[in-house]
Amino acid sequence: MLITTTPTVQGYEIVEYLGLVTGEAIMGANIFKDFFAGIRDIVGGRAAAYEQELRKARDAALSEMSAEAEGMGANAVVAVDLDYETIQLSQGGNMMMVSVSGTAVRVAW
């Protein structure tokens, strides 16, 4: 499945537009990751635990979107938009949400 943020696939013709496809993933980071990420934020540097969770969430959302497109008979998804959000829970923790959307298409190879 070809996935691109551009509205076209250079060098190929889109022969059919099949419709909107989406994928969402919400993942939490455990209390230890939250704690160490907080320390890392204080002293500087990158929060590797959060980066890894964010990567997992992005991959899950893209996979869900791709599976939906494949189910429609698409071989590509164009004009993909990725959005990232942090959801703060009332218990004090954080959840990370990634949502993706695009247009499922059939491309002539």
C-alpha atoms as a PDB file:
ATOM      1  CA  MET A   1       0.000   0.000   0.000  1.00  0.00           C
ATOM      2  CA  LEU A   2       1.469   3.314  -1.091  1.00  0.00           C
ATOM      3  CA  ILE A   3       0.777   6.073   1.448  1.00  0.00           C
ATOM      4  CA  THR A   4       1.631   9.681   0.630  1.00  0.00           C
ATOM      5  CA  THR A   5       0.861  13.136   1.952  1.00  0.00           C
ATOM      6  CA  THR A   6       0.732  14.509  -1.584  1.00  0.00           C
ATOM      7  CA  PRO A   7      -2.568  14.696  -3.510  1.00  0.00           C
ATOM      8  CA  THR A   8      -1.139  12.753  -6.466  1.00  0.00           C
ATOM      9  CA  VAL A   9       1.400  10.018  -7.121  1.00  0.00           C
ATOM     10  CA  GLN A  10       4.044  11.422  -9.432  1.00  0.00           C
ATOM     11  CA  GLY A  11       4.369   9.422 -12.617  1.00  0.00           C
ATOM     12  CA  TYR A  12       1.161   7.418 -12.055  1.00  0.00           C
ATOM     13  CA  GLU A  13      -2.460   8.031 -12.870  1.00  0.00           C
ATOM     14  CA  ILE A  14      -5.165   7.805 -10.222  1.00  0.00           C
ATOM     15  CA  VAL A  15      -7.868   5.799 -11.977  1.00  0.00           C
ATOM     16  CA  GLU A  16     -10.445   5.699  -9.174  1.00  0.00           C
ATOM     17  CA  TYR A  17     -11.175   7.606  -5.976  1.00  0.00           C
ATOM     18  CA  LEU A  18     -12.682   5.241  -3.417  1.00  0.00           C
ATOM     19  CA  GLY A  19     -13.310   7.544  -0.462  1.00  0.00           C
ATOM     20  CA  LEU A  20     -12.071   8.769   2.896  1.00  0.00           C
ATOM     21  CA  VAL A  21     -10.147   6.406   5.155  1.00  0.00           C
ATOM     22  CA  THR A  22      -9.018   7.008   8.729  1.00  0.00           C
ATOM     23  CA  GLY A  23      -7.000   5.466  11.515  1.00  0.00           C
ATOM     24  CA  GLU A  24      -6.685   6.340  15.163  1.00  0.00           C
ATOM     25  CA  ALA A  25      -4.466   5.140  17.979  1.00  0.00           C
ATOM     26  CA  ILE A  26      -4.395   6.197  21.604  1.00  0.00           C
ATOM     27  CA  MET A  27      -1.527   4.945  23.713  1.00  0.00           C
ATOM     28  CA  GLY A  28      -0.520   5.633  27.267  1.00  0.00           C
ATOM     29  CA  ALA A  29       2.906   5.900  28.785  1.00  0.00           C
ATOM     30  CA  ASN A  30       3.274   4.255  32.159  1.00  0.00           C
ATOM     31  CA  ILE A  31       4.070   6.162  35.345  1.00  0.00           C
ATOM     32  CA  PHE A  32       7.812   5.381  35.205  1.00  0.00           C
ATOM     33  CA  LYS A  33       8.109   6.678  31.662  1.00  0.00           C
ATOM     34  CA  ASP A  34       6.170   9.804  32.715  1.00  0.00           C
ATOM     35  CA  PHE A  35       8.482  10.301  35.687  1.00  0.00           C
ATOM     36  CA  PHE A  36      11.719   9.885  33.746  1.00  0.00           C
ATOM     37  CA  ALA A  37      10.432  11.989  30.848  1.00  0.00           C
ATOM     38  CA  GLY A  38       9.713  14.744  33.381  1.00  0.00           C
ATOM     39  CA  ILE A  39      13.281  14.549  34.688  1.00  0.00           C
ATOM     40  CA  ARG A  40      14.605  14.585  31.131  1.00  0.00           C
ATOM     41  CA  ASP A  41      12.518  17.708  30.434  1.00  0.00           C
ATOM     42  CA  ILE A  42      14.055  19.445  33.456  1.00  0.00           C
ATOM     43  CA  VAL A  43      17.670  18.658  32.570  1.00  0.00           C
ATOM     44  CA  GLY A  44      17.219  18.838  28.798  1.00  0.00           C
ATOM     45  CA  GLY A  45      17.485  16.267  26.066  1.00  0.00           C
ATOM     46  CA  ARG A  46      15.026  14.012  24.317  1.00  0.00           C
ATOM     47  CA  ALA A  47      12.329  11.916  25.973  1.00  0.00           C
ATOM     48  CA  ALA A  48      13.080   8.595  24.266  1.00  0.00           C
ATOM     49  CA  ALA A  49      10.246   6.749  26.028  1.00  0.00           C
ATOM     50  CA  TYR A  50       7.667   9.194  24.672  1.00  0.00           C
ATOM     51  CA  GLU A  51       9.225   9.142  21.213  1.00  0.00           C
ATOM     52  CA  GLN A  52       8.961   5.349  21.138  1.00  0.00           C
ATOM     53  CA  GLU A  53       5.299   5.403  22.259  1.00  0.00           C
ATOM     54  CA  LEU A  54       4.491   8.108  19.727  1.00  0.00           C
ATOM     55  CA  ARG A  55       6.123   6.068  16.961  1.00  0.00           C
ATOM     56  CA  LYS A  56       4.060   3.010  17.976  1.00  0.00           C
ATOM     57  CA  ALA A  57       0.854   5.068  17.943  1.00  0.00           C
ATOM     58  CA  ARG A  58       1.648   6.536  14.518  1.00  0.00           C
ATOM     59  CA  ASP A  59       2.419   3.103  13.066  1.00  0.00           C
ATOM     60  CA  ALA A  60      -0.810   1.655  14.518  1.00  0.00           C
ATOM     61  CA  ALA A  61      -2.935   4.495  13.109  1.00  0.00           C
ATOM     62  CA  LEU A  62      -1.321   4.205   9.664  1.00  0.00           C
ATOM     63  CA  SER A  63      -1.787   0.439   9.700  1.00  0.00           C
ATOM     64  CA  GLU A  64      -5.476   0.818  10.582  1.00  0.00           C
ATOM     65  CA  MET A  65      -5.979   3.351   7.787  1.00  0.00           C
ATOM     66  CA  SER A  66      -4.121   1.143   5.303  1.00  0.00           C
ATOM     67  CA  ALA A  67      -6.251  -1.886   6.213  1.00  0.00           C
ATOM     68  CA  GLU A  68      -9.436   0.145   5.710  1.00  0.00           C
ATOM     69  CA  ALA A  69      -8.199   1.300   2.287  1.00  0.00           C
ATOM     70  CA  GLU A  70      -7.226  -2.237   1.290  1.00  0.00           C
ATOM     71  CA  GLY A  71     -10.700  -3.409   2.252  1.00  0.00           C
ATOM     72  CA  MET A  72     -12.125  -0.883  -0.209  1.00  0.00           C
ATOM     73  CA  GLY A  73      -9.903  -2.218  -3.008  1.00  0.00           C
ATOM     74  CA  ALA A  74      -7.366   0.621  -2.940  1.00  0.00           C
ATOM     75  CA  ASN A  75      -3.682   0.255  -3.694  1.00  0.00           C
ATOM     76  CA  ALA A  76      -2.745   3.735  -2.434  1.00  0.00           C
ATOM     77  CA  VAL A  77      -3.836   6.453  -0.022  1.00  0.00           C
ATOM     78  CA  VAL A  78      -3.176  10.067  -1.010  1.00  0.00           C
ATOM     79  CA  ALA A  79      -3.465  13.423   0.759  1.00  0.00           C
ATOM     80  CA  VAL A  80      -2.709  11.820   4.126  1.00  0.00           C
ATOM     81  CA  ASP A  81      -2.901  14.121   7.147  1.00  0.00           C
ATOM     82  CA  LEU A  82      -1.387  13.138  10.509  1.00  0.00           C
ATOM     83  CA  ASP A  83      -2.487  14.806  13.734  1.00  0.00           C
ATOM     84  CA  TYR A  84      -0.944  14.386  17.178  1.00  0.00           C
ATOM     85  CA  GLU A  85      -2.601  15.223  20.497  1.00  0.00           C
ATOM     86  CA  THR A  86      -1.873  14.711  24.175  1.00  0.00           C
ATOM     87  CA  ILE A  87      -4.827  13.862  26.367  1.00  0.00           C
ATOM     88  CA  GLN A  88      -4.453  14.599  30.063  1.00  0.00           C
ATOM     89  CA  LEU A  89      -6.375  12.252  32.307  1.00  0.00           C
ATOM     90  CA  SER A  90      -8.088  13.373  35.487  1.00  0.00           C
ATOM     91  CA  GLN A  91      -5.868  10.912  37.411  1.00  0.00           C
ATOM     92  CA  GLY A  92      -2.816  12.890  36.344  1.00  0.00           C
ATOM     93  CA  GLY A  93      -1.493  10.651  33.569  1.00  0.00           C
ATOM     94  CA  ASN A  94      -1.173  11.344  29.877  1.00  0.00           C
ATOM     95  CA  MET A  95      -2.359   9.526  26.788  1.00  0.00           C
ATOM     96  CA  MET A  96      -1.051  10.170  23.304  1.00  0.00           C
ATOM     97  CA  MET A  97      -3.387  10.165  20.337  1.00  0.00           C
ATOM     98  CA  VAL A  98      -2.481   9.961  16.668  1.00  0.00           C
ATOM     99  CA  SER A  99      -5.166  10.282  14.025  1.00  0.00           C
ATOM    100  CA  VAL A 100      -4.613   9.933  10.297  1.00  0.00           C
ATOM    101  CA  SER A 101      -6.916  10.440   7.342  1.00  0.00           C
ATOM    102  CA  GLY A 102      -6.556  10.307   3.599  1.00  0.00           C
ATOM    103  CA  THR A 103      -8.241   9.400   0.353  1.00  0.00           C
ATOM    104  CA  ALA A 104      -8.193   5.769  -0.748  1.00  0.00           C
ATOM    105  CA  VAL A 105      -7.474   5.497  -4.469  1.00  0.00           C
ATOM    106  CA  ARG A 106      -6.652   2.963  -7.136  1.00  0.00           C
ATOM    107  CA  VAL A 107      -3.504   3.845  -9.063  1.00  0.00           C
ATOM    108  CA  ALA A 108      -2.569   2.395 -12.458  1.00  0.00           C
ATOM    109  CA  TRP A 109       0.925   0.941 -12.097  1.00  0.00           C
END
